[in-house]
Amino acid sequence: MAGMFIFKKISIMFKDKTKHEKCAFIYVGAVALISLCGLVYVYAVPPVSMKTDRNGVSHFTPQVINPETGDAIDMGDLVKHYRGD
C-alpha cells in the first residue's frame, strides 16, 4: 500500500520533467542511497581499525597510573614506553 503511494508521488513528480531533470533526480537518489548504505554498514560492522590503534590499544581506554612515577598517563604512551618506541 505504501509502495503504491510512493510510486504515485514519484510519477506525479516526473510528469512534467525533462529527460535531463529525470536523469539528475535518479543520479542524486542513487548517490544518496549508496552513501546511506555505506554509513549504515560502517556503523553496523565497524572495521577493526576503528576499534584499536596500531599498538592494539582501544581508542576509548581511560588513563592509567604509570608504575614508575605514579602519574596518570595515556595507555598508548605506556605501551610505547615499554615497547621501546
Protein backbone atom coordinates (compact mmCIF):
# COMPACT_ATOMS: atom_id res chain seq x y z
CA MET A 1 0.00 0.00 0.00
CA ALA A 2 2.75 2.45 1.00
CA GLY A 3 4.80 1.40 -2.03
CA MET A 4 1.94 2.29 -4.35
CA PHE A 5 1.58 5.69 -2.66
CA ILE A 6 5.28 6.42 -3.12
CA PHE A 7 5.14 5.25 -6.74
CA LYS A 8 2.21 7.61 -7.44
CA LYS A 9 4.04 10.55 -5.84
CA ILE A 10 7.17 9.87 -7.90
CA SER A 11 5.17 9.51 -11.13
CA ILE A 12 3.50 12.86 -10.44
CA MET A 13 6.92 14.44 -9.85
CA PHE A 14 8.22 13.08 -13.17
CA LYS A 15 5.15 14.07 -15.17
CA ASP A 16 6.34 17.50 -16.36
CA LYS A 17 10.12 16.96 -16.15
CA THR A 18 12.59 16.88 -19.00
CA LYS A 19 14.82 13.94 -19.71
CA HIS A 20 17.82 15.67 -18.09
CA GLU A 21 15.89 16.51 -14.93
CA LYS A 22 14.76 12.89 -14.61
CA CYS A 23 18.34 11.64 -15.01
CA ALA A 24 19.59 14.13 -12.44
CA PHE A 25 16.90 13.02 -9.99
CA ILE A 26 17.82 9.36 -10.47
CA TYR A 27 21.54 10.13 -10.13
CA VAL A 28 21.10 12.12 -6.92
CA GLY A 29 18.83 9.44 -5.49
CA ALA A 30 21.36 6.70 -6.29
CA VAL A 31 24.23 8.65 -4.71
CA ALA A 32 22.17 9.36 -1.59
CA LEU A 33 21.16 5.70 -1.29
CA ILE A 34 24.72 4.43 -1.75
CA SER A 35 26.02 6.93 0.83
CA LEU A 36 23.37 5.97 3.35
CA CYS A 37 24.05 2.26 2.85
CA GLY A 38 27.78 2.84 3.34
CA LEU A 39 27.26 4.75 6.57
CA VAL A 40 24.88 2.11 7.92
CA TYR A 41 27.36 -0.65 7.03
CA VAL A 42 30.30 1.07 8.74
CA TYR A 43 28.17 1.73 11.82
CA ALA A 44 26.78 -1.84 11.97
CA VAL A 45 30.03 -3.68 11.15
CA PRO A 46 32.91 -1.37 12.12
CA PRO A 47 36.35 -2.29 10.80
CA VAL A 48 38.96 -3.43 13.30
CA SER A 49 40.95 -0.25 12.68
CA MET A 50 38.09 1.79 14.18
CA LYS A 51 38.29 -0.13 17.46
CA THR A 52 42.02 -0.12 18.19
CA ASP A 53 45.14 1.76 17.18
CA ARG A 54 48.24 0.15 15.64
CA ASN A 55 49.55 -0.85 19.10
CA GLY A 56 46.35 -2.76 19.92
CA VAL A 57 45.08 -0.21 22.45
CA SER A 58 41.37 0.65 22.36
CA HIS A 59 40.65 4.24 21.37
CA PHE A 60 38.48 4.90 24.44
CA THR A 61 40.81 3.46 27.08
CA PRO A 62 40.96 5.59 30.23
CA GLN A 63 44.23 6.91 31.58
CA VAL A 64 46.33 4.55 33.70
CA ILE A 65 48.80 5.05 36.52
CA ASN A 66 52.44 4.97 35.47
CA PRO A 67 54.13 2.36 37.69
CA GLU A 68 57.40 4.33 37.76
CA THR A 69 56.09 7.80 38.68
CA GLY A 70 52.51 7.28 39.88
CA ASP A 71 51.16 9.88 37.41
CA ALA A 72 48.11 9.31 35.22
CA ILE A 73 49.19 8.85 31.61
CA ASP A 74 47.66 7.73 28.34
CA MET A 75 47.67 3.94 27.80
CA GLY A 76 49.20 4.41 24.33
CA ASP A 77 52.16 6.29 25.84
CA LEU A 78 52.69 3.48 28.35
CA VAL A 79 52.64 0.85 25.61
CA LYS A 80 55.13 2.87 23.53
CA HIS A 81 57.42 3.26 26.55
CA TYR A 82 57.57 -0.46 27.27
CA ARG A 83 57.88 -1.37 23.59
CA GLY A 84 60.83 0.99 23.23
CA ASP A 85 59.30 3.26 20.59
